[in-house]
PDB file of N, CA and C in Angstrom:
ATOM      1  N   MET A   1      -7.847  38.969  63.455  1.00  0.00           N
ATOM      2  CA  MET A   1      -6.717  39.553  62.607  1.00  0.00           C
ATOM      3  C   MET A   1      -7.153  40.991  62.320  1.00  0.00           C
ATOM      4  N   THR A   2      -6.236  41.919  62.713  1.00  0.00           N
ATOM      5  CA  THR A   2      -6.552  43.356  62.524  1.00  0.00           C
ATOM      6  C   THR A   2      -6.057  43.851  61.216  1.00  0.00           C
ATOM      7  N   GLY A   3      -4.996  43.296  60.656  1.00  0.00           N
ATOM      8  CA  GLY A   3      -4.453  43.749  59.378  1.00  0.00           C
ATOM      9  C   GLY A   3      -3.603  45.013  59.569  1.00  0.00           C
ATOM     10  N   GLU A   4      -3.300  45.358  60.765  1.00  0.00           N
ATOM     11  CA  GLU A   4      -2.526  46.517  61.098  1.00  0.00           C
ATOM     12  C   GLU A   4      -1.069  46.177  60.716  1.00  0.00           C
ATOM     13  N   VAL A   5      -0.428  47.200  60.071  1.00  0.00           N
ATOM     14  CA  VAL A   5       0.985  47.091  59.684  1.00  0.00           C
ATOM     15  C   VAL A   5       1.879  47.779  60.740  1.00  0.00           C
ATOM     16  N   LEU A   6       2.885  47.067  61.319  1.00  0.00           N
ATOM     17  CA  LEU A   6       3.770  47.622  62.262  1.00  0.00           C
ATOM     18  C   LEU A   6       5.029  48.242  61.536  1.00  0.00           C
ATOM     19  N   ALA A   7       5.410  47.667  60.401  1.00  0.00           N
ATOM     20  CA  ALA A   7       6.545  48.184  59.681  1.00  0.00           C
ATOM     21  C   ALA A   7       6.461  47.829  58.240  1.00  0.00           C
ATOM     22  N   GLU A   8       6.876  48.773  57.368  1.00  0.00           N
ATOM     23  CA  GLU A   8       6.835  48.517  55.935  1.00  0.00           C
ATOM     24  C   GLU A   8       8.214  48.340  55.325  1.00  0.00           C
ATOM     25  N   GLN A   9       9.199  48.885  56.019  1.00  0.00           N
ATOM     26  CA  GLN A   9      10.610  48.748  55.593  1.00  0.00           C
ATOM     27  C   GLN A   9      11.308  47.888  56.634  1.00  0.00           C
ATOM     28  N   VAL A  10      11.583  46.679  56.261  1.00  0.00           N
ATOM     29  CA  VAL A  10      12.189  45.712  57.182  1.00  0.00           C
ATOM     30  C   VAL A  10      13.482  45.195  56.657  1.00  0.00           C
ATOM     31  N   GLN A  11      14.476  45.158  57.559  1.00  0.00           N
ATOM     32  CA  GLN A  11      15.764  44.535  57.323  1.00  0.00           C
ATOM     33  C   GLN A  11      15.818  43.307  58.171  1.00  0.00           C
ATOM     34  N   VAL A  12      16.552  42.302  57.679  1.00  0.00           N
ATOM     35  CA  VAL A  12      16.708  41.047  58.486  1.00  0.00           C
ATOM     36  C   VAL A  12      18.202  40.845  58.676  1.00  0.00           C
ATOM     37  N   ALA A  13      18.557  40.541  59.956  1.00  0.00           N
ATOM     38  CA  ALA A  13      19.940  40.301  60.345  1.00  0.00           C
ATOM     39  C   ALA A  13      19.994  38.779  60.804  1.00  0.00           C
ATOM     40  N   GLU A  14      20.643  38.000  59.928  1.00  0.00           N
ATOM     41  CA  GLU A  14      20.578  36.531  60.204  1.00  0.00           C
ATOM     42  C   GLU A  14      22.038  35.920  60.537  1.00  0.00           C
ATOM     43  N   ASP A  15      23.054  36.687  60.340  1.00  0.00           N
ATOM     44  CA  ASP A  15      24.396  36.117  60.699  1.00  0.00           C
ATOM     45  C   ASP A  15      24.840  36.867  61.960  1.00  0.00           C
ATOM     46  N   PHE A  16      25.877  36.235  62.627  1.00  0.00           N
ATOM     47  CA  PHE A  16      26.402  36.775  63.896  1.00  0.00           C
ATOM     48  C   PHE A  16      26.756  38.255  63.859  1.00  0.00           C
ATOM     49  N   LEU A  17      27.541  38.657  62.839  1.00  0.00           N
ATOM     50  CA  LEU A  17      28.032  40.061  62.793  1.00  0.00           C
ATOM     51  C   LEU A  17      26.841  41.033  62.630  1.00  0.00           C
ATOM     52  N   SER A  18      25.917  40.775  61.697  1.00  0.00           N
ATOM     53  CA  SER A  18      24.812  41.692  61.484  1.00  0.00           C
ATOM     54  C   SER A  18      23.926  41.802  62.673  1.00  0.00           C
ATOM     55  N   ARG A  19      23.789  40.637  63.377  1.00  0.00           N
ATOM     56  CA  ARG A  19      22.950  40.668  64.633  1.00  0.00           C
ATOM     57  C   ARG A  19      23.683  41.520  65.726  1.00  0.00           C
ATOM     58  N   LEU A  20      24.962  41.310  65.778  1.00  0.00           N
ATOM     59  CA  LEU A  20      25.747  42.027  66.870  1.00  0.00           C
ATOM     60  C   LEU A  20      25.739  43.538  66.653  1.00  0.00           C
ATOM     61  N   ILE A  21      25.930  43.934  65.391  1.00  0.00           N
ATOM     62  CA  ILE A  21      25.925  45.344  65.074  1.00  0.00           C
ATOM     63  C   ILE A  21      24.558  45.996  65.118  1.00  0.00           C
ATOM     64  N   GLY A  22      23.578  45.239  64.558  1.00  0.00           N
ATOM     65  CA  GLY A  22      22.174  45.721  64.669  1.00  0.00           C
ATOM     66  C   GLY A  22      21.987  47.152  64.270  1.00  0.00           C
ATOM     67  N   LEU A  23      21.544  47.971  65.210  1.00  0.00           N
ATOM     68  CA  LEU A  23      21.248  49.387  64.975  1.00  0.00           C
ATOM     69  C   LEU A  23      22.343  50.292  65.604  1.00  0.00           C
ATOM     70  N   MET A  24      23.395  49.694  66.050  1.00  0.00           N
ATOM     71  CA  MET A  24      24.487  50.552  66.605  1.00  0.00           C
ATOM     72  C   MET A  24      25.049  51.581  65.664  1.00  0.00           C
ATOM     73  N   GLY A  25      25.215  52.727  66.214  1.00  0.00           N
ATOM     74  CA  GLY A  25      25.810  53.817  65.357  1.00  0.00           C
ATOM     75  C   GLY A  25      24.809  54.693  64.524  1.00  0.00           C
ATOM     76  N   ARG A  26      23.566  54.154  64.342  1.00  0.00           N
ATOM     77  CA  ARG A  26      22.595  54.927  63.603  1.00  0.00           C
ATOM     78  C   ARG A  26      22.106  56.075  64.409  1.00  0.00           C
ATOM     79  N   LYS A  27      21.820  57.204  63.837  1.00  0.00           N
ATOM     80  CA  LYS A  27      21.299  58.385  64.611  1.00  0.00           C
ATOM     81  C   LYS A  27      19.817  58.192  64.946  1.00  0.00           C
ATOM     82  N   THR A  28      19.086  57.582  64.077  1.00  0.00           N
ATOM     83  CA  THR A  28      17.677  57.404  64.282  1.00  0.00           C
ATOM     84  C   THR A  28      17.211  56.086  63.616  1.00  0.00           C
ATOM     85  N   MET A  29      15.937  55.772  63.873  1.00  0.00           N
ATOM     86  CA  MET A  29      15.281  54.691  63.210  1.00  0.00           C
ATOM     87  C   MET A  29      14.014  55.289  62.713  1.00  0.00           C
ATOM     88  N   ALA A  30      13.802  55.206  61.399  1.00  0.00           N
ATOM     89  CA  ALA A  30      12.605  55.843  60.789  1.00  0.00           C
ATOM     90  C   ALA A  30      11.306  55.127  61.237  1.00  0.00           C
ATOM     91  N   ASP A  31      10.257  55.907  61.380  1.00  0.00           N
ATOM     92  CA  ASP A  31       8.927  55.376  61.562  1.00  0.00           C
ATOM     93  C   ASP A  31       8.643  54.416  60.432  1.00  0.00           C
ATOM     94  N   GLY A  32       8.033  53.266  60.752  1.00  0.00           N
ATOM     95  CA  GLY A  32       7.643  52.338  59.681  1.00  0.00           C
ATOM     96  C   GLY A  32       8.679  51.349  59.362  1.00  0.00           C
ATOM     97  N   SER A  33       9.903  51.432  60.056  1.00  0.00           N
ATOM     98  CA  SER A  33      10.948  50.503  59.758  1.00  0.00           C
ATOM     99  C   SER A  33      11.130  49.505  60.909  1.00  0.00           C
ATOM    100  N   ALA A  34      11.794  48.354  60.652  1.00  0.00           N
ATOM    101  CA  ALA A  34      12.080  47.394  61.635  1.00  0.00           C
ATOM    102  C   ALA A  34      13.321  46.627  61.256  1.00  0.00           C
ATOM    103  N   LEU A  35      13.914  46.082  62.261  1.00  0.00           N
ATOM    104  CA  LEU A  35      15.017  45.102  62.091  1.00  0.00           C
ATOM    105  C   LEU A  35      14.685  43.877  62.785  1.00  0.00           C
ATOM    106  N   ILE A  36      14.788  42.744  62.028  1.00  0.00           N
ATOM    107  CA  ILE A  36      14.470  41.398  62.571  1.00  0.00           C
ATOM    108  C   ILE A  36      15.775  40.763  62.801  1.00  0.00           C
ATOM    109  N   LEU A  37      15.957  40.284  64.011  1.00  0.00           N
ATOM    110  CA  LEU A  37      17.176  39.602  64.450  1.00  0.00           C
ATOM    111  C   LEU A  37      16.799  38.059  64.615  1.00  0.00           C
ATOM    112  N   ARG A  38      17.403  37.229  63.675  1.00  0.00           N
ATOM    113  CA  ARG A  38      17.006  35.836  63.683  1.00  0.00           C
ATOM    114  C   ARG A  38      18.213  35.010  63.464  1.00  0.00           C
ATOM    115  N   PRO A  39      18.481  33.960  64.394  1.00  0.00           N
ATOM    116  CA  PRO A  39      17.821  33.765  65.636  1.00  0.00           C
ATOM    117  C   PRO A  39      18.264  34.697  66.680  1.00  0.00           C
ATOM    118  N   CYS A  40      17.332  34.874  67.734  1.00  0.00           N
ATOM    119  CA  CYS A  40      17.679  35.849  68.725  1.00  0.00           C
ATOM    120  C   CYS A  40      16.775  35.584  69.956  1.00  0.00           C
ATOM    121  N   ARG A  41      17.377  35.679  71.183  1.00  0.00           N
ATOM    122  CA  ARG A  41      16.582  35.550  72.433  1.00  0.00           C
ATOM    123  C   ARG A  41      16.841  36.673  73.403  1.00  0.00           C
ATOM    124  N   SER A  42      17.843  37.516  73.052  1.00  0.00           N
ATOM    125  CA  SER A  42      18.189  38.649  73.902  1.00  0.00           C
ATOM    126  C   SER A  42      18.874  39.774  73.061  1.00  0.00           C
ATOM    127  N   VAL A  43      18.700  40.994  73.472  1.00  0.00           N
ATOM    128  CA  VAL A  43      19.092  42.140  72.670  1.00  0.00           C
ATOM    129  C   VAL A  43      19.897  43.090  73.629  1.00  0.00           C
ATOM    130  N   HIS A  44      20.907  43.736  73.091  1.00  0.00           N
ATOM    131  CA  HIS A  44      21.532  44.858  73.836  1.00  0.00           C
ATOM    132  C   HIS A  44      21.402  46.143  73.022  1.00  0.00           C
ATOM    133  N   THR A  45      21.447  47.296  73.690  1.00  0.00           N
ATOM    134  CA  THR A  45      21.370  48.541  72.994  1.00  0.00           C
ATOM    135  C   THR A  45      22.638  49.435  73.232  1.00  0.00           C
ATOM    136  N   PHE A  46      23.726  48.753  73.350  1.00  0.00           N
ATOM    137  CA  PHE A  46      25.026  49.414  73.586  1.00  0.00           C
ATOM    138  C   PHE A  46      25.260  50.303  72.309  1.00  0.00           C
ATOM    139  N   PHE A  47      25.759  51.451  72.527  1.00  0.00           N
ATOM    140  CA  PHE A  47      26.232  52.398  71.509  1.00  0.00           C
ATOM    141  C   PHE A  47      25.085  52.824  70.527  1.00  0.00           C
ATOM    142  N   MET A  48      23.867  52.773  71.075  1.00  0.00           N
ATOM    143  CA  MET A  48      22.690  53.228  70.355  1.00  0.00           C
ATOM    144  C   MET A  48      22.362  54.665  70.853  1.00  0.00           C
ATOM    145  N   ARG A  49      21.596  55.380  70.045  1.00  0.00           N
ATOM    146  CA  ARG A  49      21.269  56.780  70.323  1.00  0.00           C
ATOM    147  C   ARG A  49      19.799  57.069  70.525  1.00  0.00           C
ATOM    148  N   PHE A  50      19.044  56.035  70.575  1.00  0.00           N
ATOM    149  CA  PHE A  50      17.545  56.179  70.664  1.00  0.00           C
ATOM    150  C   PHE A  50      16.930  54.983  71.346  1.00  0.00           C
ATOM    151  N   ASN A  51      15.736  55.126  71.824  1.00  0.00           N
ATOM    152  CA  ASN A  51      14.958  54.045  72.435  1.00  0.00           C
ATOM    153  C   ASN A  51      14.348  53.212  71.301  1.00  0.00           C
ATOM    154  N   ILE A  52      14.215  51.896  71.652  1.00  0.00           N
ATOM    155  CA  ILE A  52      13.550  51.021  70.728  1.00  0.00           C
ATOM    156  C   ILE A  52      12.487  50.133  71.420  1.00  0.00           C
ATOM    157  N   ASP A  53      11.517  49.669  70.703  1.00  0.00           N
ATOM    158  CA  ASP A  53      10.618  48.696  71.145  1.00  0.00           C
ATOM    159  C   ASP A  53      11.057  47.305  70.707  1.00  0.00           C
ATOM    160  N   LEU A  54      10.938  46.250  71.474  1.00  0.00           N
ATOM    161  CA  LEU A  54      11.315  44.927  71.147  1.00  0.00           C
ATOM    162  C   LEU A  54      10.164  43.981  71.216  1.00  0.00           C
ATOM    163  N   VAL A  55       9.953  43.276  70.155  1.00  0.00           N
ATOM    164  CA  VAL A  55       8.895  42.243  70.103  1.00  0.00           C
ATOM    165  C   VAL A  55       9.625  40.876  69.976  1.00  0.00           C
ATOM    166  N   PHE A  56       9.504  40.024  70.972  1.00  0.00           N
ATOM    167  CA  PHE A  56      10.055  38.675  70.962  1.00  0.00           C
ATOM    168  C   PHE A  56       9.007  37.722  70.504  1.00  0.00           C
ATOM    169  N   LEU A  57       9.282  36.955  69.414  1.00  0.00           N
ATOM    170  CA  LEU A  57       8.359  36.032  68.834  1.00  0.00           C
ATOM    171  C   LEU A  57       8.861  34.568  68.941  1.00  0.00           C
ATOM    172  N   ASP A  58       7.964  33.659  69.091  1.00  0.00           N
ATOM    173  CA  ASP A  58       8.391  32.250  69.015  1.00  0.00           C
ATOM    174  C   ASP A  58       8.351  31.839  67.515  1.00  0.00           C
ATOM    175  N   ARG A  59       8.686  30.581  67.335  1.00  0.00           N
ATOM    176  CA  ARG A  59       8.816  30.089  65.918  1.00  0.00           C
ATOM    177  C   ARG A  59       7.497  30.106  65.098  1.00  0.00           C
ATOM    178  N   ARG A  60       6.394  30.244  65.781  1.00  0.00           N
ATOM    179  CA  ARG A  60       5.055  30.375  65.103  1.00  0.00           C
ATOM    180  C   ARG A  60       4.628  31.773  64.893  1.00  0.00           C
ATOM    181  N   GLY A  61       5.402  32.757  65.366  1.00  0.00           N
ATOM    182  CA  GLY A  61       5.041  34.148  65.188  1.00  0.00           C
ATOM    183  C   GLY A  61       4.264  34.725  66.299  1.00  0.00           C
ATOM    184  N   MET A  62       4.164  33.945  67.384  1.00  0.00           N
ATOM    185  CA  MET A  62       3.361  34.456  68.544  1.00  0.00           C
ATOM    186  C   MET A  62       4.295  35.341  69.434  1.00  0.00           C
ATOM    187  N   VAL A  63       3.714  36.488  69.908  1.00  0.00           N
ATOM    188  CA  VAL A  63       4.462  37.321  70.804  1.00  0.00           C
ATOM    189  C   VAL A  63       4.576  36.675  72.169  1.00  0.00           C
ATOM    190  N   VAL A  64       5.833  36.557  72.572  1.00  0.00           N
ATOM    191  CA  VAL A  64       6.032  35.889  73.902  1.00  0.00           C
ATOM    192  C   VAL A  64       6.585  36.867  74.903  1.00  0.00           C
ATOM    193  N   HIS A  65       7.043  38.023  74.453  1.00  0.00           N
ATOM    194  CA  HIS A  65       7.530  39.061  75.354  1.00  0.00           C
ATOM    195  C   HIS A  65       7.625  40.358  74.655  1.00  0.00           C
ATOM    196  N   LEU A  66       7.408  41.453  75.326  1.00  0.00           N
ATOM    197  CA  LEU A  66       7.522  42.798  74.798  1.00  0.00           C
ATOM    198  C   LEU A  66       8.351  43.686  75.685  1.00  0.00           C
ATOM    199  N   ILE A  67       9.145  44.573  75.136  1.00  0.00           N
ATOM    200  CA  ILE A  67       9.825  45.654  75.908  1.00  0.00           C
ATOM    201  C   ILE A  67       9.545  46.918  75.132  1.00  0.00           C
ATOM    202  N   LYS A  68       8.950  47.861  75.782  1.00  0.00           N
ATOM    203  CA  LYS A  68       8.590  49.153  75.204  1.00  0.00           C
ATOM    204  C   LYS A  68       9.650  50.235  75.607  1.00  0.00           C
ATOM    205  N   ASP A  69      10.094  50.973  74.603  1.00  0.00           N
ATOM    206  CA  ASP A  69      11.009  52.121  74.828  1.00  0.00           C
ATOM    207  C   ASP A  69      12.229  51.751  75.643  1.00  0.00           C
ATOM    208  N   MET A  70      12.939  50.684  75.261  1.00  0.00           N
ATOM    209  CA  MET A  70      14.190  50.284  75.877  1.00  0.00           C
ATOM    210  C   MET A  70      15.279  51.366  75.502  1.00  0.00           C
ATOM    211  N   PRO A  71      15.879  52.005  76.521  1.00  0.00           N
ATOM    212  CA  PRO A  71      16.820  53.043  76.230  1.00  0.00           C
ATOM    213  C   PRO A  71      18.195  52.466  75.890  1.00  0.00           C
ATOM    214  N   PRO A  72      19.112  53.296  75.360  1.00  0.00           N
ATOM    215  CA  PRO A  72      20.448  52.833  75.079  1.00  0.00           C
ATOM    216  C   PRO A  72      21.189  52.297  76.260  1.00  0.00           C
ATOM    217  N   PHE A  73      22.229  51.499  75.979  1.00  0.00           N
ATOM    218  CA  PHE A  73      23.081  50.924  76.993  1.00  0.00           C
ATOM    219  C   PHE A  73      22.399  49.964  77.977  1.00  0.00           C
ATOM    220  N   ARG A  74      21.463  49.219  77.475  1.00  0.00           N
ATOM    221  CA  ARG A  74      20.815  48.263  78.294  1.00  0.00           C
ATOM    222  C   ARG A  74      20.906  46.776  77.665  1.00  0.00           C
ATOM    223  N   ILE A  75      20.668  45.791  78.461  1.00  0.00           N
ATOM    224  CA  ILE A  75      20.565  44.434  77.963  1.00  0.00           C
ATOM    225  C   ILE A  75      19.239  43.913  78.338  1.00  0.00           C
ATOM    226  N   SER A  76      18.496  43.312  77.429  1.00  0.00           N
ATOM    227  CA  SER A  76      17.216  42.751  77.668  1.00  0.00           C
ATOM    228  C   SER A  76      17.344  41.368  78.385  1.00  0.00           C
ATOM    229  N   PRO A  77      16.305  40.890  79.054  1.00  0.00           N
ATOM    230  CA  PRO A  77      16.372  39.513  79.531  1.00  0.00           C
ATOM    231  C   PRO A  77      16.504  38.473  78.401  1.00  0.00           C
ATOM    232  N   VAL A  78      16.987  37.316  78.792  1.00  0.00           N
ATOM    233  CA  VAL A  78      16.965  36.290  77.766  1.00  0.00           C
ATOM    234  C   VAL A  78      15.586  35.671  77.854  1.00  0.00           C
ATOM    235  N   VAL A  79      14.984  35.566  76.655  1.00  0.00           N
ATOM    236  CA  VAL A  79      13.574  35.009  76.542  1.00  0.00           C
ATOM    237  C   VAL A  79      13.760  33.726  75.867  1.00  0.00           C
ATOM    238  N   LEU A  80      13.706  32.628  76.633  1.00  0.00           N
ATOM    239  CA  LEU A  80      13.987  31.277  76.097  1.00  0.00           C
ATOM    240  C   LEU A  80      13.004  30.814  75.106  1.00  0.00           C
ATOM    241  N   ARG A  81      11.732  31.227  75.168  1.00  0.00           N
ATOM    242  CA  ARG A  81      10.773  30.855  74.161  1.00  0.00           C
ATOM    243  C   ARG A  81      10.843  31.574  72.859  1.00  0.00           C
ATOM    244  N   ALA A  82      11.682  32.676  72.769  1.00  0.00           N
ATOM    245  CA  ALA A  82      11.781  33.400  71.579  1.00  0.00           C
ATOM    246  C   ALA A  82      12.659  32.738  70.566  1.00  0.00           C
ATOM    247  N   SER A  83      12.398  32.910  69.262  1.00  0.00           N
ATOM    248  CA  SER A  83      13.204  32.439  68.208  1.00  0.00           C
ATOM    249  C   SER A  83      13.713  33.666  67.404  1.00  0.00           C
ATOM    250  N   LEU A  84      13.003  34.784  67.460  1.00  0.00           N
ATOM    251  CA  LEU A  84      13.520  36.064  66.858  1.00  0.00           C
ATOM    252  C   LEU A  84      13.016  37.177  67.605  1.00  0.00           C
ATOM    253  N   VAL A  85      13.652  38.364  67.319  1.00  0.00           N
ATOM    254  CA  VAL A  85      13.304  39.658  67.930  1.00  0.00           C
ATOM    255  C   VAL A  85      13.109  40.681  66.816  1.00  0.00           C
ATOM    256  N   ILE A  86      12.059  41.452  66.881  1.00  0.00           N
ATOM    257  CA  ILE A  86      11.817  42.534  65.974  1.00  0.00           C
ATOM    258  C   ILE A  86      12.148  43.816  66.734  1.00  0.00           C
ATOM    259  N   GLU A  87      13.021  44.632  66.179  1.00  0.00           N
ATOM    260  CA  GLU A  87      13.362  45.976  66.839  1.00  0.00           C
ATOM    261  C   GLU A  87      12.629  46.949  65.964  1.00  0.00           C
ATOM    262  N   LEU A  88      11.865  47.818  66.719  1.00  0.00           N
ATOM    263  CA  LEU A  88      11.075  48.958  66.165  1.00  0.00           C
ATOM    264  C   LEU A  88      11.394  50.224  66.791  1.00  0.00           C
ATOM    265  N   PRO A  89      11.086  51.367  66.175  1.00  0.00           N
ATOM    266  CA  PRO A  89      11.318  52.659  66.783  1.00  0.00           C
ATOM    267  C   PRO A  89      10.589  52.695  68.085  1.00  0.00           C
ATOM    268  N   GLY A  90      11.222  53.327  69.088  1.00  0.00           N
ATOM    269  CA  GLY A  90      10.548  53.521  70.409  1.00  0.00           C
ATOM    270  C   GLY A  90       9.131  54.129  70.225  1.00  0.00           C
ATOM    271  N   GLY A  91       8.153  53.550  70.932  1.00  0.00           N
ATOM    272  CA  GLY A  91       6.730  54.117  70.802  1.00  0.00           C
ATOM    273  C   GLY A  91       5.958  53.419  69.749  1.00  0.00           C
ATOM    274  N   THR A  92       6.506  52.567  68.982  1.00  0.00           N
ATOM    275  CA  THR A  92       5.686  51.931  67.873  1.00  0.00           C
ATOM    276  C   THR A  92       4.648  50.965  68.536  1.00  0.00           C
ATOM    277  N   VAL A  93       5.102  50.219  69.455  1.00  0.00           N
ATOM    278  CA  VAL A  93       4.192  49.149  70.017  1.00  0.00           C
ATOM    279  C   VAL A  93       3.094  49.696  70.828  1.00  0.00           C
ATOM    280  N   ARG A  94       3.343  50.741  71.642  1.00  0.00           N
ATOM    281  CA  ARG A  94       2.368  51.320  72.621  1.00  0.00           C
ATOM    282  C   ARG A  94       1.387  50.207  73.048  1.00  0.00           C
ATOM    283  N   ASN A  95       0.111  50.377  72.774  1.00  0.00           N
ATOM    284  CA  ASN A  95      -0.911  49.382  73.202  1.00  0.00           C
ATOM    285  C   ASN A  95      -1.351  48.507  72.027  1.00  0.00           C
ATOM    286  N   ARG A  96      -0.592  48.461  70.970  1.00  0.00           N
ATOM    287  CA  ARG A  96      -0.966  47.666  69.769  1.00  0.00           C
ATOM    288  C   ARG A  96      -0.713  46.208  69.892  1.00  0.00           C
ATOM    289  N   LEU A  97       0.164  45.750  70.764  1.00  0.00           N
ATOM    290  CA  LEU A  97       0.511  44.287  70.859  1.00  0.00           C
ATOM    291  C   LEU A  97       0.409  43.919  72.307  1.00  0.00           C
ATOM    292  N   ARG A  98       0.263  42.611  72.524  1.00  0.00           N
ATOM    293  CA  ARG A  98       0.338  42.041  73.822  1.00  0.00           C
ATOM    294  C   ARG A  98       0.818  40.519  73.644  1.00  0.00           C
ATOM    295  N   PRO A  99       1.351  39.977  74.698  1.00  0.00           N
ATOM    296  CA  PRO A  99       1.763  38.585  74.566  1.00  0.00           C
ATOM    297  C   PRO A  99       0.568  37.731  74.192  1.00  0.00           C
ATOM    298  N   GLY A 100       0.801  36.796  73.328  1.00  0.00           N
ATOM    299  CA  GLY A 100      -0.245  35.904  72.789  1.00  0.00           C
ATOM    300  C   GLY A 100      -0.723  36.345  71.407  1.00  0.00           C
ATOM    301  N   ASP A 101      -0.514  37.574  70.999  1.00  0.00           N
ATOM    302  CA  ASP A 101      -0.834  38.012  69.660  1.00  0.00           C
ATOM    303  C   ASP A 101       0.114  37.260  68.668  1.00  0.00           C
ATOM    304  N   VAL A 102      -0.402  37.113  67.490  1.00  0.00           N
ATOM    305  CA  VAL A 102       0.361  36.415  66.427  1.00  0.00           C
ATOM    306  C   VAL A 102       0.596  37.387  65.296  1.00  0.00           C
ATOM    307  N   LEU A 103       1.855  37.476  64.896  1.00  0.00           N
ATOM    308  CA  LEU A 103       2.188  38.375  63.800  1.00  0.00           C
ATOM    309  C   LEU A 103       2.449  37.631  62.521  1.00  0.00           C
ATOM    310  N   GLN A 104       2.092  38.289  61.421  1.00  0.00           N
ATOM    311  CA  GLN A 104       2.272  37.568  60.130  1.00  0.00           C
ATOM    312  C   GLN A 104       3.279  38.469  59.378  1.00  0.00           C
ATOM    313  N   MET A 105       4.324  37.909  58.841  1.00  0.00           N
ATOM    314  CA  MET A 105       5.233  38.664  58.046  1.00  0.00           C
ATOM    315  C   MET A 105       5.004  38.358  56.542  1.00  0.00           C
ATOM    316  N   ILE A 106       4.825  39.445  55.807  1.00  0.00           N
ATOM    317  CA  ILE A 106       4.537  39.357  54.399  1.00  0.00           C
ATOM    318  C   ILE A 106       5.671  39.956  53.591  1.00  0.00           C
ATOM    319  N   ASP A 107       6.072  39.175  52.611  1.00  0.00           N
ATOM    320  CA  ASP A 107       7.148  39.666  51.709  1.00  0.00           C
ATOM    321  C   ASP A 107       6.728  40.755  50.794  1.00  0.00           C
TER     322      ASP A 107
END
């Protein structure tokens, strides 16, 4: 356990509409922020204005897939093992995470 913090300001989208809208229309995403989409196995970046990093986690919090710097107007693959996706500003993940790592979410 490294104790490294990926985001301090976290929003959670748990209903269909909030997951669908996600980050659409925002001009930027602040460093240190994240959006958790739950449940979620695939993400789109339609109508977004910036790149994002995507961290796909299983129900135990284990990283099962990563996408770094996904540009606007793309669709991620469907990750069947994922139960949620964390969206972070592009460049946040860099070499900080890899599949098999386990994340802990603290309130």
